[in-house]
N, C-alpha and C. Protein backbone atom coordinates (compact mmCIF):
# COMPACT_ATOMS: atom_id res chain seq x y z
N THR A 1 18.96 9.03 -6.84
CA THR A 1 19.21 7.69 -6.32
C THR A 1 18.40 6.68 -7.11
N LYS A 2 18.73 5.42 -6.95
CA LYS A 2 18.01 4.36 -7.66
C LYS A 2 16.54 4.31 -7.29
N ASN A 3 16.23 4.60 -6.03
CA ASN A 3 14.84 4.55 -5.57
C ASN A 3 13.92 5.46 -6.36
N ASN A 4 14.45 6.55 -6.87
CA ASN A 4 13.61 7.50 -7.59
C ASN A 4 13.14 6.95 -8.93
N HIS A 5 13.72 5.87 -9.40
CA HIS A 5 13.34 5.31 -10.69
C HIS A 5 12.38 4.14 -10.56
N VAL A 6 12.12 3.68 -9.35
CA VAL A 6 11.24 2.54 -9.15
C VAL A 6 9.79 3.00 -9.30
N ILE A 7 9.07 2.41 -10.28
CA ILE A 7 7.66 2.77 -10.46
C ILE A 7 6.73 1.61 -10.12
N ALA A 8 7.28 0.39 -10.03
CA ALA A 8 6.46 -0.79 -9.70
C ALA A 8 7.27 -1.68 -8.76
N LEU A 9 6.56 -2.22 -7.75
CA LEU A 9 7.22 -3.07 -6.78
C LEU A 9 6.26 -4.18 -6.38
N ASN A 10 6.71 -5.42 -6.54
CA ASN A 10 5.91 -6.58 -6.17
C ASN A 10 6.59 -7.28 -5.00
N LEU A 11 5.94 -7.18 -3.84
CA LEU A 11 6.45 -7.84 -2.62
C LEU A 11 5.48 -8.92 -2.16
N SER A 12 4.82 -9.56 -3.08
CA SER A 12 3.89 -10.63 -2.76
C SER A 12 4.62 -11.82 -2.15
N ASN A 13 3.92 -12.51 -1.25
CA ASN A 13 4.41 -13.78 -0.69
C ASN A 13 5.77 -13.67 -0.02
N GLN A 14 6.03 -12.56 0.63
CA GLN A 14 7.33 -12.36 1.30
C GLN A 14 7.26 -12.53 2.81
N ARG A 15 6.10 -12.89 3.32
CA ARG A 15 5.90 -13.08 4.77
C ARG A 15 6.16 -11.80 5.56
N LEU A 16 5.90 -10.69 4.95
CA LEU A 16 6.09 -9.39 5.61
C LEU A 16 5.02 -9.18 6.67
N ASP A 17 5.44 -8.74 7.85
CA ASP A 17 4.46 -8.39 8.87
C ASP A 17 4.44 -6.89 9.12
N SER A 18 5.35 -6.17 8.47
CA SER A 18 5.35 -4.71 8.55
C SER A 18 6.11 -4.15 7.35
N LEU A 19 5.92 -2.85 7.14
CA LEU A 19 6.62 -2.15 6.08
C LEU A 19 7.50 -1.09 6.72
N SER A 20 8.65 -0.88 6.17
CA SER A 20 9.59 0.09 6.70
C SER A 20 9.12 1.52 6.44
N GLU A 21 9.45 2.41 7.34
CA GLU A 21 9.17 3.84 7.13
C GLU A 21 9.98 4.37 5.94
N SER A 22 11.01 3.66 5.54
CA SER A 22 11.84 4.11 4.42
C SER A 22 11.10 4.02 3.08
N PHE A 23 9.89 3.50 3.09
CA PHE A 23 9.09 3.46 1.86
C PHE A 23 8.92 4.85 1.26
N ARG A 24 9.00 5.88 2.11
CA ARG A 24 8.80 7.26 1.63
C ARG A 24 9.81 7.63 0.55
N ALA A 25 10.93 6.92 0.46
CA ALA A 25 11.94 7.20 -0.56
C ALA A 25 11.50 6.81 -1.96
N LEU A 26 10.45 6.01 -2.06
CA LEU A 26 9.98 5.53 -3.37
C LEU A 26 8.97 6.52 -3.95
N LYS A 27 9.42 7.74 -4.16
CA LYS A 27 8.54 8.84 -4.55
C LYS A 27 7.79 8.62 -5.86
N ASN A 28 8.35 7.87 -6.80
CA ASN A 28 7.71 7.68 -8.11
C ASN A 28 6.92 6.38 -8.21
N LEU A 29 6.80 5.67 -7.12
CA LEU A 29 6.10 4.39 -7.14
C LEU A 29 4.64 4.56 -7.55
N GLN A 30 4.22 3.81 -8.57
CA GLN A 30 2.85 3.88 -9.08
C GLN A 30 2.07 2.60 -8.80
N LEU A 31 2.77 1.48 -8.75
CA LEU A 31 2.13 0.18 -8.53
C LEU A 31 2.84 -0.53 -7.39
N LEU A 32 2.06 -0.91 -6.37
CA LEU A 32 2.62 -1.61 -5.22
C LEU A 32 1.77 -2.84 -4.95
N ILE A 33 2.38 -4.01 -5.03
CA ILE A 33 1.68 -5.27 -4.80
C ILE A 33 2.24 -5.90 -3.53
N LEU A 34 1.37 -6.03 -2.54
CA LEU A 34 1.75 -6.59 -1.24
C LEU A 34 0.89 -7.80 -0.91
N ARG A 35 0.46 -8.50 -1.91
CA ARG A 35 -0.45 -9.62 -1.78
C ARG A 35 0.14 -10.76 -0.96
N ASN A 36 -0.71 -11.35 -0.14
CA ASN A 36 -0.37 -12.58 0.58
C ASN A 36 0.83 -12.41 1.51
N ASN A 37 0.69 -11.48 2.45
CA ASN A 37 1.69 -11.27 3.49
C ASN A 37 0.99 -11.32 4.84
N TYR A 38 1.62 -10.80 5.85
CA TYR A 38 1.07 -10.81 7.21
C TYR A 38 0.88 -9.40 7.76
N LEU A 39 0.65 -8.46 6.88
CA LEU A 39 0.53 -7.06 7.30
C LEU A 39 -0.73 -6.85 8.13
N THR A 40 -0.57 -6.14 9.23
CA THR A 40 -1.70 -5.79 10.09
C THR A 40 -1.97 -4.29 10.07
N SER A 41 -1.00 -3.52 9.57
CA SER A 41 -1.17 -2.07 9.49
C SER A 41 -0.24 -1.52 8.41
N LEU A 42 -0.44 -0.26 8.08
CA LEU A 42 0.39 0.42 7.10
C LEU A 42 1.11 1.58 7.79
N PRO A 43 2.41 1.77 7.52
CA PRO A 43 3.14 2.85 8.17
C PRO A 43 2.71 4.22 7.62
N LYS A 44 2.96 5.25 8.38
CA LYS A 44 2.62 6.61 7.94
C LYS A 44 3.30 6.95 6.62
N SER A 45 4.51 6.44 6.41
CA SER A 45 5.23 6.75 5.17
C SER A 45 4.51 6.22 3.94
N PHE A 46 3.71 5.19 4.10
CA PHE A 46 2.95 4.64 2.98
C PHE A 46 2.06 5.72 2.36
N PHE A 47 1.52 6.59 3.18
CA PHE A 47 0.58 7.61 2.71
C PHE A 47 1.28 8.83 2.13
N GLU A 48 2.60 8.78 2.08
CA GLU A 48 3.38 9.83 1.43
C GLU A 48 3.71 9.47 -0.02
N LEU A 49 3.30 8.29 -0.45
CA LEU A 49 3.59 7.82 -1.81
C LEU A 49 2.54 8.40 -2.76
N SER A 50 2.68 9.67 -3.02
CA SER A 50 1.62 10.42 -3.73
C SER A 50 1.41 10.01 -5.18
N ASN A 51 2.34 9.27 -5.77
CA ASN A 51 2.17 8.84 -7.15
C ASN A 51 1.53 7.46 -7.29
N LEU A 52 1.24 6.82 -6.16
CA LEU A 52 0.62 5.49 -6.22
C LEU A 52 -0.70 5.55 -6.97
N GLN A 53 -0.87 4.64 -7.91
CA GLN A 53 -2.11 4.53 -8.67
C GLN A 53 -2.84 3.23 -8.35
N THR A 54 -2.07 2.17 -8.10
CA THR A 54 -2.65 0.86 -7.82
C THR A 54 -1.94 0.22 -6.63
N VAL A 55 -2.75 -0.26 -5.68
CA VAL A 55 -2.22 -0.94 -4.50
C VAL A 55 -2.99 -2.24 -4.33
N VAL A 56 -2.26 -3.33 -4.19
CA VAL A 56 -2.87 -4.64 -3.96
C VAL A 56 -2.47 -5.09 -2.56
N LEU A 57 -3.47 -5.18 -1.69
CA LEU A 57 -3.25 -5.59 -0.29
C LEU A 57 -3.95 -6.90 0.04
N SER A 58 -4.46 -7.59 -0.95
CA SER A 58 -5.24 -8.80 -0.72
C SER A 58 -4.47 -9.84 0.08
N PHE A 59 -5.25 -10.61 0.85
CA PHE A 59 -4.71 -11.72 1.63
C PHE A 59 -3.64 -11.27 2.62
N ASN A 60 -4.00 -10.26 3.42
CA ASN A 60 -3.20 -9.80 4.54
C ASN A 60 -4.08 -9.82 5.78
N TYR A 61 -3.62 -9.24 6.85
CA TYR A 61 -4.36 -9.24 8.11
C TYR A 61 -4.74 -7.83 8.55
N LEU A 62 -4.96 -6.97 7.59
CA LEU A 62 -5.36 -5.59 7.90
C LEU A 62 -6.77 -5.58 8.46
N LYS A 63 -6.93 -4.92 9.58
CA LYS A 63 -8.26 -4.81 10.18
C LYS A 63 -8.98 -3.58 9.64
N ASN A 64 -8.24 -2.60 9.20
CA ASN A 64 -8.84 -1.43 8.57
C ASN A 64 -7.80 -0.72 7.71
N ILE A 65 -8.31 0.08 6.83
CA ILE A 65 -7.47 0.94 6.00
C ILE A 65 -7.67 2.35 6.56
N PRO A 66 -6.63 2.99 7.07
CA PRO A 66 -6.80 4.31 7.68
C PRO A 66 -7.35 5.35 6.70
N ASN A 67 -8.00 6.35 7.24
CA ASN A 67 -8.55 7.43 6.43
C ASN A 67 -7.47 8.16 5.64
N GLU A 68 -6.23 8.06 6.08
CA GLU A 68 -5.13 8.71 5.37
C GLU A 68 -4.98 8.20 3.94
N ILE A 69 -5.63 7.09 3.63
CA ILE A 69 -5.58 6.57 2.26
C ILE A 69 -6.07 7.62 1.27
N GLU A 70 -6.91 8.52 1.74
CA GLU A 70 -7.43 9.58 0.88
C GLU A 70 -6.37 10.60 0.52
N LEU A 71 -5.23 10.58 1.20
CA LEU A 71 -4.12 11.46 0.85
C LEU A 71 -3.47 11.04 -0.47
N LEU A 72 -3.71 9.81 -0.87
CA LEU A 72 -3.13 9.29 -2.12
C LEU A 72 -4.02 9.72 -3.28
N LYS A 73 -3.84 10.94 -3.71
CA LYS A 73 -4.74 11.56 -4.70
C LYS A 73 -4.72 10.88 -6.06
N ASN A 74 -3.66 10.18 -6.40
CA ASN A 74 -3.58 9.50 -7.69
C ASN A 74 -4.06 8.05 -7.64
N LEU A 75 -4.45 7.60 -6.45
CA LEU A 75 -4.88 6.21 -6.30
C LEU A 75 -6.17 5.95 -7.08
N GLN A 76 -6.11 4.96 -7.97
CA GLN A 76 -7.25 4.61 -8.80
C GLN A 76 -7.80 3.24 -8.46
N ASP A 77 -6.95 2.36 -7.96
CA ASP A 77 -7.37 0.99 -7.69
C ASP A 77 -6.75 0.49 -6.39
N LEU A 78 -7.62 0.12 -5.46
CA LEU A 78 -7.18 -0.47 -4.20
C LEU A 78 -7.83 -1.84 -4.08
N ASN A 79 -7.01 -2.87 -4.12
CA ASN A 79 -7.52 -4.23 -4.02
C ASN A 79 -7.17 -4.75 -2.63
N SER A 80 -8.21 -4.95 -1.84
CA SER A 80 -7.98 -5.47 -0.48
C SER A 80 -8.82 -6.72 -0.25
N HIS A 81 -9.08 -7.47 -1.30
CA HIS A 81 -9.86 -8.69 -1.21
C HIS A 81 -9.27 -9.65 -0.19
N ASP A 82 -10.16 -10.21 0.63
CA ASP A 82 -9.76 -11.19 1.64
C ASP A 82 -8.75 -10.67 2.66
N THR A 83 -8.85 -9.38 2.97
CA THR A 83 -8.17 -8.90 4.17
C THR A 83 -9.23 -8.94 5.25
N GLN A 84 -8.90 -8.52 6.44
CA GLN A 84 -9.86 -8.61 7.53
C GLN A 84 -10.52 -7.28 7.86
N GLU A 85 -10.34 -6.29 6.97
CA GLU A 85 -10.91 -4.99 7.29
C GLU A 85 -12.43 -5.07 7.28
N GLU A 86 -13.04 -4.28 8.12
CA GLU A 86 -14.48 -4.31 8.26
C GLU A 86 -15.17 -3.35 7.29
N TYR A 87 -14.54 -2.23 7.02
CA TYR A 87 -15.21 -1.23 6.19
C TYR A 87 -14.17 -0.29 5.60
N ILE A 88 -14.31 -0.04 4.33
CA ILE A 88 -13.45 0.94 3.66
C ILE A 88 -14.36 1.90 2.93
N ASN A 89 -14.17 3.18 3.17
CA ASN A 89 -14.96 4.19 2.48
C ASN A 89 -13.99 5.06 1.69
N LEU A 90 -13.95 4.84 0.41
CA LEU A 90 -13.04 5.60 -0.45
C LEU A 90 -13.83 6.38 -1.48
N ARG A 91 -13.31 7.54 -1.80
CA ARG A 91 -13.92 8.36 -2.85
C ARG A 91 -12.92 8.53 -3.98
N PHE A 92 -13.17 7.86 -5.09
CA PHE A 92 -12.29 8.00 -6.25
C PHE A 92 -12.98 8.88 -7.27
């Protein structure tokens, strides 16, 4: 399917307040930019994107990043500047 070829997705400034569980179909996604939206949480399917290397979550309303973020073994860069999370403990 077409989704299998998507490696980068920029959804900045889209006024998103949630992400669909169908994100799991983007198996080859390496770069995801969700800057400047209204996200307060991330769906479970987000943590199934095992090829993600870079995620930009800046300027959202996330109060925390779940521990499941550690399931993203290829994640190298997580930008969450100016979100509302209190503490993120990541081991890269």
